[in-house]
Amino acid sequence: MQSERMDPTPSSTPPFCSPLARRNFLKKSLAMSMAAPMLMSFEEQALMAQEKPASSSAPGAAPVAKLAQGKIGKVQISRLICGGNLISGYAHSRDLIYVSNLLKHYFTDEKIMDTWALCEQQGINSMVAYPGDPHAVEVYRKYRQRGGRIQYLAQINPTREDLKTCVKEAVDAGAIGAFLVGNLGDLWAREGEVARIGELVKNIKDQGLVAGMAGHELRTIKAVEEAGVNADFYVKTLHNNNYWSRQQPDQTKEVIDNYSTDNYWCREPRETIAFMSEVERPWIAYKVLAAGAIHPQSGFRYAFENGADFALVGMFDFQVAENVKIASGILGGRMERQREWMA
């Protein structure tokens, strides 16, 4: 049996038109508008904060923001460095299989150059890219031709048999410095081939570039330092382990040496901090945001307060201004830093 629908009793005043209803509606609307920024993500807030689209930033334009710098060799480098994984389409995406392809579609040539221009505008004067990637090199050359001045730190990936071609590629691309990519640094140190790392560092220096080497593992940096390899700088991961995906039970098991678990990149942050406090070489910290799992406010402070001289950070164009604002606030404010600035 179908029930009869009862219509409400007619009223001379529609419910929304009553004074009380209007006041309640306005109060709720105001509360929601005030709460909106708190509900938005960091990325959404940064995007909305942009006063101009990325394309309005001209390569080589005078910076509108100041960012502290350090010196490696004769090269002045901003304490925040733009990472290259996003631009090259490589992403630590954990179990999301589409992310690298998404990045390649987002970062068109124009978007890459817009991002570098925004970096320059905000005081970031250096970026990292792989000179073995012809596309990345071509975009950088095009950017320089447009008047861009951002400096190129080359992350190189040599073969065991050829330690010179990759250095030549870096020089030809216009790099001011080069360093051995972290996974190879870990592998060669683990296999006792530190002499090969030393030879590569020498090759880089012979070409007039500042020379460094990277590692995810603390034992990598220890082995190179103890062997007396005279690197100009180290690139070493640093982040705290207090983030959600790191805390899951299935992620706290022993991780095998090749870092097949795409979840965290600094196993021993406390030990890293302690060891690096005794190392008198510039330190570029990377993975400081654990591939987007840690907010910059926390990640940048952790890196700089615990001894890093620079932070190498992958960033989208809409994150650049906010990243610089956060880093500048930390660097210009009160910090509990024990390690001397080495750059």
Protein backbone atom coordinates (compact mmCIF):
# COMPACT_ATOMS: atom_id res chain seq x y z
CA MET A 1 0.00 0.00 0.00
CA GLN A 2 1.42 3.34 -0.95
CA SER A 3 1.58 5.75 1.93
CA GLU A 4 0.18 9.20 1.50
CA ARG A 5 2.73 12.02 1.36
CA MET A 6 1.89 14.77 3.79
CA ASP A 7 2.71 18.27 2.58
CA PRO A 8 3.92 20.77 5.16
CA THR A 9 1.46 23.27 6.44
CA PRO A 10 1.53 26.39 4.25
CA SER A 11 3.18 29.39 5.82
CA SER A 12 2.96 33.03 4.94
CA THR A 13 6.73 33.40 5.38
CA PRO A 14 9.16 31.05 3.57
CA PRO A 15 11.54 29.46 6.13
CA PHE A 16 14.69 31.04 4.69
CA CYS A 17 13.18 34.51 4.66
CA SER A 18 12.71 34.75 8.41
CA PRO A 19 15.17 37.09 10.23
CA LEU A 20 16.37 34.28 12.50
CA ALA A 21 17.06 31.95 9.57
CA ARG A 22 18.96 34.64 7.71
CA ARG A 23 21.13 35.36 10.77
CA ASN A 24 21.90 31.66 11.23
CA PHE A 25 22.74 31.30 7.56
CA LEU A 26 25.11 34.28 7.64
CA LYS A 27 26.82 33.00 10.78
CA LYS A 28 27.38 29.59 9.23
CA SER A 29 28.64 31.11 5.97
CA LEU A 30 31.09 33.33 7.81
CA ALA A 31 32.37 30.44 9.91
CA MET A 32 32.85 28.30 6.84
CA SER A 33 34.71 31.06 5.01
CA MET A 34 37.03 31.58 7.97
CA ALA A 35 37.67 27.85 8.28
CA ALA A 36 38.32 27.32 4.57
CA PRO A 37 42.07 28.15 4.66
CA MET A 38 42.49 25.66 7.51
CA LEU A 39 40.84 22.93 5.45
CA MET A 40 42.86 23.54 2.33
CA SER A 41 46.08 21.65 1.74
CA PHE A 42 49.47 23.35 1.71
CA GLU A 43 49.53 23.06 -2.08
CA GLU A 44 46.06 24.61 -2.47
CA GLN A 45 46.90 27.53 -0.22
CA ALA A 46 50.16 28.14 -2.06
CA LEU A 47 48.38 28.04 -5.40
CA MET A 48 45.72 30.52 -4.30
CA ALA A 49 48.41 32.80 -2.87
CA GLN A 50 49.97 33.33 -6.29
CA GLU A 51 49.17 36.85 -7.40
CA LYS A 52 50.28 36.21 -10.96
CA PRO A 53 50.34 33.12 -13.14
CA ALA A 54 53.67 31.35 -13.54
CA SER A 55 54.01 32.57 -17.12
CA SER A 56 54.34 36.17 -15.89
CA SER A 57 57.78 35.44 -14.42
CA ALA A 58 60.47 36.38 -16.92
CA PRO A 59 63.72 34.38 -16.97
CA GLY A 60 66.55 36.41 -15.51
CA ALA A 61 64.27 39.00 -13.88
CA ALA A 62 65.47 40.64 -10.69
CA PRO A 63 64.42 38.63 -7.61
CA VAL A 64 61.47 39.98 -5.67
CA ALA A 65 62.35 37.91 -2.60
CA LYS A 66 65.61 37.37 -0.74
CA LEU A 67 66.91 33.95 0.19
CA ALA A 68 70.08 33.26 2.16
CA GLN A 69 73.02 31.78 0.27
CA GLY A 70 76.09 29.73 1.05
CA LYS A 71 79.31 29.13 -0.83
CA ILE A 72 80.74 25.88 -2.18
CA GLY A 73 84.16 26.49 -3.63
CA LYS A 74 83.78 29.73 -5.55
CA VAL A 75 80.08 29.23 -6.25
CA GLN A 76 77.32 31.10 -4.41
CA ILE A 77 74.31 28.81 -3.98
CA SER A 78 70.92 29.56 -2.46
CA ARG A 79 70.20 27.55 0.67
CA LEU A 80 67.10 26.19 -1.04
CA ILE A 81 67.86 24.32 -4.28
CA CYS A 82 65.27 23.24 -6.84
CA GLY A 83 65.24 19.47 -7.34
CA GLY A 84 65.19 17.80 -10.73
CA ASN A 85 63.09 14.67 -10.29
CA LEU A 86 59.83 16.46 -11.00
CA ILE A 87 61.19 18.11 -14.12
CA SER A 88 62.65 14.85 -15.41
CA GLY A 89 59.43 12.96 -14.66
CA TYR A 90 60.79 10.71 -11.93
CA ALA A 91 58.73 10.46 -8.79
CA HIS A 92 58.83 8.59 -5.51
CA SER A 93 55.14 7.74 -5.64
CA ARG A 94 55.04 4.72 -3.37
CA ASP A 95 52.38 2.43 -4.89
CA LEU A 96 50.78 5.00 -7.21
CA ILE A 97 51.80 3.81 -10.66
CA TYR A 98 50.64 6.85 -12.64
CA VAL A 99 52.53 9.65 -10.94
CA SER A 100 55.70 9.74 -13.07
CA ASN A 101 53.62 9.82 -16.23
CA LEU A 102 51.47 12.57 -14.73
CA LEU A 103 54.56 14.66 -14.02
CA LYS A 104 55.79 14.29 -17.58
CA HIS A 105 52.46 15.60 -18.85
CA TYR A 106 52.35 18.47 -16.34
CA PHE A 107 55.92 19.63 -16.84
CA THR A 108 55.88 20.76 -20.43
CA ASP A 109 58.92 22.67 -21.65
CA GLU A 110 57.16 25.96 -20.92
CA LYS A 111 56.13 24.82 -17.44
CA ILE A 112 59.70 23.76 -16.65
CA MET A 113 61.02 27.15 -17.69
CA ASP A 114 58.23 28.92 -15.82
CA THR A 115 59.20 26.99 -12.70
CA TRP A 116 62.85 27.97 -13.01
CA ALA A 117 61.84 31.59 -13.62
CA LEU A 118 59.72 31.54 -10.46
CA CYS A 119 62.66 30.08 -8.56
CA GLU A 120 64.89 32.92 -9.71
CA GLN A 121 62.19 35.45 -8.88
CA GLN A 122 62.02 34.06 -5.34
CA GLY A 123 65.78 33.94 -4.82
CA ILE A 124 66.50 30.28 -5.63
CA ASN A 125 69.56 30.47 -7.88
CA SER A 126 70.38 26.78 -8.44
CA MET A 127 68.65 23.63 -9.64
CA VAL A 128 69.58 19.98 -10.12
CA ALA A 129 69.07 17.92 -13.27
CA TYR A 130 70.53 14.89 -14.98
CA PRO A 131 72.86 15.82 -17.88
CA GLY A 132 72.35 12.37 -19.39
CA ASP A 133 68.76 13.36 -20.18
CA PRO A 134 68.92 15.14 -23.58
CA HIS A 135 65.48 16.68 -23.08
CA ALA A 136 66.38 18.28 -19.75
CA VAL A 137 69.61 19.67 -21.22
CA GLU A 138 67.82 21.07 -24.26
CA VAL A 139 65.21 22.83 -22.11
CA TYR A 140 67.95 24.30 -19.92
CA ARG A 141 69.79 25.64 -22.98
CA LYS A 142 66.58 27.17 -24.27
CA TYR A 143 66.00 28.74 -20.88
CA ARG A 144 69.48 30.26 -20.86
CA GLN A 145 68.92 31.63 -24.34
CA ARG A 146 65.84 33.44 -23.01
CA GLY A 147 67.97 35.15 -20.39
CA GLY A 148 67.59 32.71 -17.50
CA ARG A 149 70.48 32.57 -15.07
CA ILE A 150 69.63 29.71 -12.75
CA GLN A 151 72.71 27.58 -12.03
CA TYR A 152 72.89 23.93 -12.95
CA LEU A 153 74.14 21.29 -10.49
CA ALA A 154 74.49 18.05 -12.43
CA GLN A 155 73.49 14.75 -10.86
CA ILE A 156 75.61 12.26 -12.79
CA ASN A 157 75.17 8.54 -13.31
CA PRO A 158 78.40 7.07 -14.77
CA THR A 159 79.16 3.50 -15.69
CA ARG A 160 81.90 1.63 -13.87
CA GLU A 161 84.00 1.56 -17.03
CA ASP A 162 83.56 5.22 -18.01
CA LEU A 163 83.97 7.94 -15.40
CA LYS A 164 84.60 10.77 -17.84
CA THR A 165 81.76 10.94 -20.36
CA CYS A 166 79.19 11.93 -17.75
CA VAL A 167 81.47 14.71 -16.51
CA LYS A 168 81.89 16.00 -20.06
CA GLU A 169 78.09 15.98 -20.45
CA ALA A 170 77.80 18.12 -17.33
CA VAL A 171 80.39 20.59 -18.62
CA ASP A 172 78.74 20.75 -22.05
CA ALA A 173 75.37 21.39 -20.42
CA GLY A 174 76.77 24.42 -18.59
CA ALA A 175 76.84 22.95 -15.08
CA ILE A 176 78.72 24.71 -12.29
CA GLY A 177 79.08 21.52 -10.28
CA ALA A 178 78.41 17.79 -10.37
CA PHE A 179 77.87 14.97 -7.92
CA LEU A 180 77.52 11.20 -8.07
CA VAL A 181 73.88 10.09 -7.84
CA GLY A 182 72.95 8.57 -4.48
CA ASN A 183 72.03 5.05 -5.48
CA LEU A 184 75.41 4.56 -7.18
CA GLY A 185 77.22 6.14 -4.24
CA ASP A 186 75.52 3.62 -1.95
CA LEU A 187 76.26 0.70 -4.27
CA TRP A 188 79.92 1.47 -4.86
CA ALA A 189 80.60 2.16 -1.18
CA ARG A 190 78.78 -1.02 -0.20
CA GLU A 191 80.92 -3.02 -2.62
CA GLY A 192 84.15 -1.48 -1.37
CA GLU A 193 84.78 0.59 -4.49
CA VAL A 194 85.37 3.91 -2.80
CA ALA A 195 88.45 4.46 -4.97
CA ARG A 196 86.16 4.69 -7.98
CA ILE A 197 84.20 7.48 -6.24
CA GLY A 198 87.48 9.27 -5.55
CA GLU A 199 88.48 9.03 -9.19
CA LEU A 200 85.16 10.47 -10.30
CA VAL A 201 85.43 13.37 -7.85
CA LYS A 202 88.89 14.11 -9.22
CA ASN A 203 87.58 14.05 -12.80
CA ILE A 204 84.89 16.57 -11.89
CA LYS A 205 87.41 18.88 -10.24
CA ASP A 206 89.78 18.59 -13.20
CA GLN A 207 87.02 20.06 -15.36
CA GLY A 208 86.74 23.11 -13.10
CA LEU A 209 83.45 22.14 -11.43
CA VAL A 210 82.70 21.85 -7.74
CA ALA A 211 82.57 18.14 -7.01
CA GLY A 212 80.40 16.13 -4.66
CA MET A 213 78.84 12.77 -4.05
CA ALA A 214 75.48 11.65 -2.76
CA GLY A 215 74.22 8.80 -0.62
CA HIS A 216 71.08 7.65 1.09
CA GLU A 217 73.07 5.50 3.47
CA LEU A 218 75.15 7.03 6.26
CA ARG A 219 77.78 4.33 5.76
CA THR A 220 78.32 5.71 2.24
CA ILE A 221 79.36 9.12 3.55
CA LYS A 222 81.41 7.51 6.31
CA ALA A 223 83.34 5.35 3.86
CA VAL A 224 84.11 8.25 1.54
CA GLU A 225 85.13 10.54 4.38
CA GLU A 226 87.33 7.92 6.01
CA ALA A 227 89.00 7.16 2.67
CA GLY A 228 90.08 10.78 2.35
CA VAL A 229 88.15 11.49 -0.84
CA ASN A 230 88.39 15.25 -1.09
CA ALA A 231 84.83 16.05 -2.15
CA ASP A 232 83.78 19.70 -2.13
CA PHE A 233 80.39 18.77 -0.70
CA TYR A 234 78.14 15.89 0.28
CA VAL A 235 74.52 15.30 -0.67
CA LYS A 236 72.96 13.20 2.10
CA THR A 237 69.36 12.40 2.92
CA LEU A 238 67.85 13.80 6.10
CA HIS A 239 64.32 13.77 7.47
CA ASN A 240 62.57 12.71 10.64
CA ASN A 241 60.64 9.46 10.65
CA ASN A 242 57.48 10.88 12.18
CA TYR A 243 55.12 10.63 9.24
CA TRP A 244 52.15 8.40 8.60
CA SER A 245 53.37 6.01 5.91
CA ARG A 246 56.66 5.49 7.76
CA GLN A 247 54.77 4.47 10.90
CA GLN A 248 52.79 1.62 9.37
CA PRO A 249 53.72 -1.82 10.79
CA ASP A 250 54.53 -3.36 7.40
CA GLN A 251 56.97 -0.53 6.67
CA THR A 252 59.05 -0.85 9.85
CA LYS A 253 60.65 -4.15 8.85
CA GLU A 254 64.27 -4.33 7.78
CA VAL A 255 64.67 -2.75 4.37
CA ILE A 256 67.00 -4.45 1.91
CA ASP A 257 70.08 -2.63 0.68
CA ASN A 258 68.75 -1.50 -2.69
CA TYR A 259 65.92 0.53 -1.10
CA SER A 260 63.16 -1.38 -2.86
CA THR A 261 60.66 -0.03 -0.33
CA ASP A 262 59.68 3.34 -1.78
CA ASN A 263 58.72 4.82 1.55
CA TYR A 264 61.61 6.41 3.39
CA TRP A 265 65.13 7.50 2.60
CA CYS A 266 67.00 8.26 5.81
CA ARG A 267 67.12 5.22 8.05
CA GLU A 268 69.34 6.78 10.69
CA PRO A 269 68.57 10.48 11.05
CA ARG A 270 70.01 10.82 14.55
CA GLU A 271 73.22 9.03 13.60
CA THR A 272 73.45 11.12 10.42
CA ILE A 273 73.12 14.34 12.41
CA ALA A 274 75.77 13.21 14.90
CA PHE A 275 78.26 12.15 12.22
CA MET A 276 77.76 15.21 10.02
CA SER A 277 78.32 17.47 13.03
CA GLU A 278 81.99 16.43 12.83
CA VAL A 279 82.33 16.77 9.04
CA GLU A 280 83.75 20.07 7.87
CA ARG A 281 82.34 20.02 4.36
CA PRO A 282 79.20 21.64 2.98
CA TRP A 283 76.17 19.40 3.28
CA ILE A 284 73.22 19.48 0.88
CA ALA A 285 70.35 17.60 2.54
CA TYR A 286 67.86 15.92 0.24
CA LYS A 287 64.62 13.98 0.65
CA VAL A 288 63.97 16.44 3.49
CA LEU A 289 60.21 16.23 2.89
CA ALA A 290 60.24 12.42 2.48
CA ALA A 291 58.78 12.71 -1.02
CA GLY A 292 55.93 14.95 0.06
CA ALA A 293 55.05 13.18 3.30
CA ILE A 294 56.40 15.96 5.55
CA HIS A 295 55.26 19.58 5.52
CA PRO A 296 57.99 22.09 4.55
CA GLN A 297 57.58 23.96 7.83
CA SER A 298 58.69 20.84 9.66
CA GLY A 299 61.08 19.40 7.07
CA PHE A 300 63.05 22.59 6.42
CA ARG A 301 63.45 23.36 10.11
CA TYR A 302 64.59 19.82 10.85
CA ALA A 303 67.20 19.96 8.10
CA PHE A 304 68.65 23.38 8.88
CA GLU A 305 68.57 23.08 12.66
CA ASN A 306 70.31 19.71 12.48
CA GLY A 307 73.26 20.86 10.41
CA ALA A 308 72.35 20.93 6.71
CA ASP A 309 73.83 23.88 4.83
CA PHE A 310 71.39 23.55 1.92
CA ALA A 311 68.09 21.78 1.24
CA LEU A 312 67.51 20.19 -2.16
CA VAL A 313 63.76 20.05 -2.74
CA GLY A 314 61.58 18.98 -5.63
CA MET A 315 58.80 21.49 -6.11
CA PHE A 316 55.92 22.40 -8.37
CA ASP A 317 55.63 25.95 -9.65
CA PHE A 318 52.77 26.72 -7.24
CA GLN A 319 54.93 25.66 -4.27
CA VAL A 320 57.98 27.83 -4.99
CA ALA A 321 56.92 31.08 -3.32
CA GLU A 322 55.58 29.37 -0.23
CA ASN A 323 58.68 27.18 0.10
CA VAL A 324 60.93 30.24 -0.03
CA LYS A 325 58.75 32.08 2.47
CA ILE A 326 58.96 29.17 4.91
CA ALA A 327 62.70 28.63 4.43
CA SER A 328 63.46 32.35 4.77
CA GLY A 329 61.43 32.56 7.96
CA ILE A 330 63.36 29.65 9.46
CA LEU A 331 66.79 30.85 8.30
CA GLY A 332 66.14 34.41 9.42
CA GLY A 333 64.59 33.48 12.74
CA ARG A 334 65.72 31.75 15.89
CA MET A 335 67.19 28.32 15.21
CA GLU A 336 68.57 25.70 17.57
CA ARG A 337 71.52 24.84 15.34
CA GLN A 338 74.70 23.34 16.76
CA ARG A 339 76.76 22.62 13.64
CA GLU A 340 78.73 25.51 12.20
CA TRP A 341 77.71 26.67 8.75
CA MET A 342 80.15 25.04 6.36
CA ALA A 343 79.00 27.06 3.40
